Amino acid sequence: MFNAGDIVEFVSCDDDPRAIGKTGKVIDEVPPGPLTDYRWTVGSISIWIAPVLVRSDEIRKVG
């Protein structure tokens, strides 16, 4: 389970493969639901990469 503000590393990313290996910050305040197809919103990845939607198995907490 992730919380807003958690720093995560991308293990994979179907939404934008350029994010793989980078870190970002979870934006969602509540667990994702049907609107996002149960995917987390992660931002602050890079100035070149917009926030992405990822499944729980595509990210892992850092630290």
N, C-alpha and C. Protein backbone atom coordinates (compact mmCIF):
# COMPACT_ATOMS: atom_id res chain seq x y z
N MET A 1 0.85 -1.18 0.00
CA MET A 1 0.00 0.00 0.00
C MET A 1 0.89 1.24 0.00
N PHE A 2 0.47 2.23 -0.72
CA PHE A 2 1.23 3.47 -0.83
C PHE A 2 0.40 4.62 -0.26
N ASN A 3 1.08 5.70 0.12
CA ASN A 3 0.43 6.89 0.65
C ASN A 3 0.91 8.10 -0.14
N ALA A 4 0.12 9.16 -0.14
CA ALA A 4 0.51 10.40 -0.81
C ALA A 4 1.86 10.85 -0.25
N GLY A 5 2.75 11.22 -1.15
CA GLY A 5 4.07 11.69 -0.75
C GLY A 5 5.14 10.62 -0.70
N ASP A 6 4.75 9.35 -0.77
CA ASP A 6 5.76 8.29 -0.78
C ASP A 6 6.65 8.42 -2.01
N ILE A 7 7.94 8.24 -1.80
CA ILE A 7 8.89 8.23 -2.92
C ILE A 7 9.00 6.79 -3.39
N VAL A 8 8.81 6.59 -4.68
CA VAL A 8 8.82 5.25 -5.26
C VAL A 8 9.77 5.18 -6.45
N GLU A 9 10.26 3.98 -6.70
CA GLU A 9 11.10 3.72 -7.88
C GLU A 9 10.29 2.89 -8.86
N PHE A 10 10.44 3.20 -10.15
CA PHE A 10 9.73 2.47 -11.19
C PHE A 10 10.48 1.20 -11.56
N VAL A 11 9.81 0.07 -11.39
CA VAL A 11 10.35 -1.22 -11.80
C VAL A 11 10.00 -1.44 -13.27
N SER A 12 8.79 -1.05 -13.64
CA SER A 12 8.31 -1.06 -15.01
C SER A 12 7.27 0.05 -15.10
N CYS A 13 6.87 0.40 -16.32
CA CYS A 13 5.86 1.44 -16.48
C CYS A 13 5.25 1.35 -17.87
N ASP A 14 4.07 0.77 -17.95
CA ASP A 14 3.38 0.65 -19.23
C ASP A 14 2.97 2.02 -19.77
N ASP A 15 2.67 2.96 -18.88
CA ASP A 15 2.20 4.29 -19.28
C ASP A 15 3.29 5.09 -19.98
N ASP A 16 4.54 5.04 -19.47
CA ASP A 16 5.67 5.75 -20.07
C ASP A 16 6.96 5.02 -19.71
N PRO A 17 7.45 4.17 -20.60
CA PRO A 17 8.66 3.38 -20.31
C PRO A 17 9.90 4.21 -19.96
N ARG A 18 9.91 5.49 -20.30
CA ARG A 18 11.06 6.34 -19.94
C ARG A 18 11.22 6.48 -18.44
N ALA A 19 10.17 6.19 -17.67
CA ALA A 19 10.21 6.33 -16.21
C ALA A 19 10.93 5.17 -15.52
N ILE A 20 11.12 4.06 -16.22
CA ILE A 20 11.75 2.88 -15.61
C ILE A 20 13.13 3.25 -15.06
N GLY A 21 13.36 2.89 -13.79
CA GLY A 21 14.63 3.17 -13.13
C GLY A 21 14.68 4.52 -12.44
N LYS A 22 13.70 5.37 -12.69
CA LYS A 22 13.65 6.69 -12.07
C LYS A 22 12.79 6.64 -10.81
N THR A 23 12.82 7.71 -10.04
CA THR A 23 11.97 7.80 -8.85
C THR A 23 10.93 8.89 -9.06
N GLY A 24 9.85 8.78 -8.32
CA GLY A 24 8.78 9.77 -8.37
C GLY A 24 8.04 9.79 -7.05
N LYS A 25 7.03 10.65 -6.96
CA LYS A 25 6.27 10.80 -5.73
C LYS A 25 4.81 10.44 -5.98
N VAL A 26 4.24 9.61 -5.09
CA VAL A 26 2.83 9.23 -5.19
C VAL A 26 1.98 10.47 -4.92
N ILE A 27 1.02 10.74 -5.80
CA ILE A 27 0.17 11.92 -5.69
C ILE A 27 -1.16 11.59 -5.02
N ASP A 28 -1.66 10.39 -5.20
CA ASP A 28 -2.99 10.01 -4.70
C ASP A 28 -3.10 10.13 -3.19
N GLU A 29 -4.19 10.76 -2.73
CA GLU A 29 -4.49 10.89 -1.30
C GLU A 29 -5.21 9.65 -0.77
N VAL A 30 -5.86 8.91 -1.65
CA VAL A 30 -6.62 7.71 -1.27
C VAL A 30 -6.23 6.58 -2.23
N PRO A 31 -6.46 5.33 -1.84
CA PRO A 31 -6.16 4.22 -2.76
C PRO A 31 -6.92 4.39 -4.07
N PRO A 32 -6.30 4.03 -5.19
CA PRO A 32 -6.94 4.20 -6.49
C PRO A 32 -8.19 3.34 -6.65
N GLY A 33 -9.09 3.80 -7.50
CA GLY A 33 -10.34 3.08 -7.74
C GLY A 33 -10.61 2.87 -9.21
N PRO A 34 -11.86 2.63 -9.55
CA PRO A 34 -12.21 2.30 -10.94
C PRO A 34 -11.94 3.43 -11.93
N LEU A 35 -11.97 4.68 -11.49
CA LEU A 35 -11.73 5.80 -12.40
C LEU A 35 -10.34 5.72 -13.04
N THR A 36 -9.35 5.27 -12.29
CA THR A 36 -7.98 5.15 -12.82
C THR A 36 -7.62 3.70 -13.12
N ASP A 37 -8.62 2.83 -13.16
CA ASP A 37 -8.40 1.40 -13.39
C ASP A 37 -7.49 0.82 -12.30
N TYR A 38 -7.67 1.33 -11.08
CA TYR A 38 -6.93 0.87 -9.90
C TYR A 38 -5.43 1.07 -10.03
N ARG A 39 -5.04 2.16 -10.68
CA ARG A 39 -3.62 2.50 -10.82
C ARG A 39 -3.30 3.74 -10.01
N TRP A 40 -2.09 3.82 -9.50
CA TRP A 40 -1.61 4.96 -8.73
C TRP A 40 -1.14 6.07 -9.66
N THR A 41 -1.29 7.30 -9.23
CA THR A 41 -0.75 8.45 -9.97
C THR A 41 0.58 8.82 -9.33
N VAL A 42 1.63 8.84 -10.13
CA VAL A 42 2.97 9.18 -9.64
C VAL A 42 3.50 10.33 -10.47
N GLY A 43 3.98 11.38 -9.80
CA GLY A 43 4.52 12.56 -10.47
C GLY A 43 5.91 12.88 -9.97
N SER A 44 6.39 14.08 -10.29
CA SER A 44 7.73 14.55 -9.90
C SER A 44 8.82 13.58 -10.36
N ILE A 45 8.65 13.08 -11.58
CA ILE A 45 9.60 12.10 -12.12
C ILE A 45 10.75 12.82 -12.82
N SER A 46 10.40 13.73 -13.69
CA SER A 46 11.37 14.47 -14.49
C SER A 46 10.63 15.63 -15.16
N ILE A 47 11.34 16.65 -15.56
CA ILE A 47 10.64 17.74 -16.26
C ILE A 47 10.17 17.27 -17.64
N TRP A 48 10.71 16.19 -18.13
CA TRP A 48 10.33 15.66 -19.44
C TRP A 48 9.24 14.60 -19.38
N ILE A 49 8.92 14.13 -18.16
CA ILE A 49 7.92 13.07 -18.01
C ILE A 49 6.77 13.57 -17.13
N ALA A 50 5.58 13.60 -17.71
CA ALA A 50 4.38 14.02 -16.98
C ALA A 50 3.99 12.94 -15.98
N PRO A 51 3.12 13.27 -15.01
CA PRO A 51 2.66 12.22 -14.09
C PRO A 51 2.09 11.02 -14.85
N VAL A 52 2.34 9.85 -14.31
CA VAL A 52 1.91 8.61 -14.96
C VAL A 52 1.00 7.81 -14.04
N LEU A 53 0.24 6.90 -14.64
CA LEU A 53 -0.59 5.96 -13.89
C LEU A 53 0.11 4.61 -13.91
N VAL A 54 0.27 4.00 -12.72
CA VAL A 54 0.97 2.73 -12.63
C VAL A 54 0.25 1.77 -11.69
N ARG A 55 0.40 0.49 -11.98
CA ARG A 55 -0.12 -0.55 -11.08
C ARG A 55 0.84 -0.70 -9.90
N SER A 56 0.35 -1.27 -8.84
CA SER A 56 1.18 -1.46 -7.64
C SER A 56 2.43 -2.28 -7.91
N ASP A 57 2.36 -3.23 -8.86
CA ASP A 57 3.52 -4.07 -9.14
C ASP A 57 4.56 -3.38 -10.01
N GLU A 58 4.27 -2.17 -10.48
CA GLU A 58 5.22 -1.44 -11.32
C GLU A 58 6.12 -0.50 -10.52
N ILE A 59 5.83 -0.33 -9.23
CA ILE A 59 6.60 0.58 -8.39
C ILE A 59 6.94 -0.09 -7.06
N ARG A 60 8.02 0.44 -6.42
CA ARG A 60 8.35 -0.01 -5.08
C ARG A 60 8.83 1.20 -4.27
N LYS A 61 8.55 1.17 -2.97
CA LYS A 61 8.94 2.29 -2.09
C LYS A 61 10.46 2.37 -2.00
N VAL A 62 10.95 3.59 -1.91
CA VAL A 62 12.38 3.84 -1.76
C VAL A 62 12.62 4.24 -0.30
N GLY A 63 13.61 3.64 0.31
CA GLY A 63 13.98 4.02 1.68
C GLY A 63 13.15 3.39 2.65
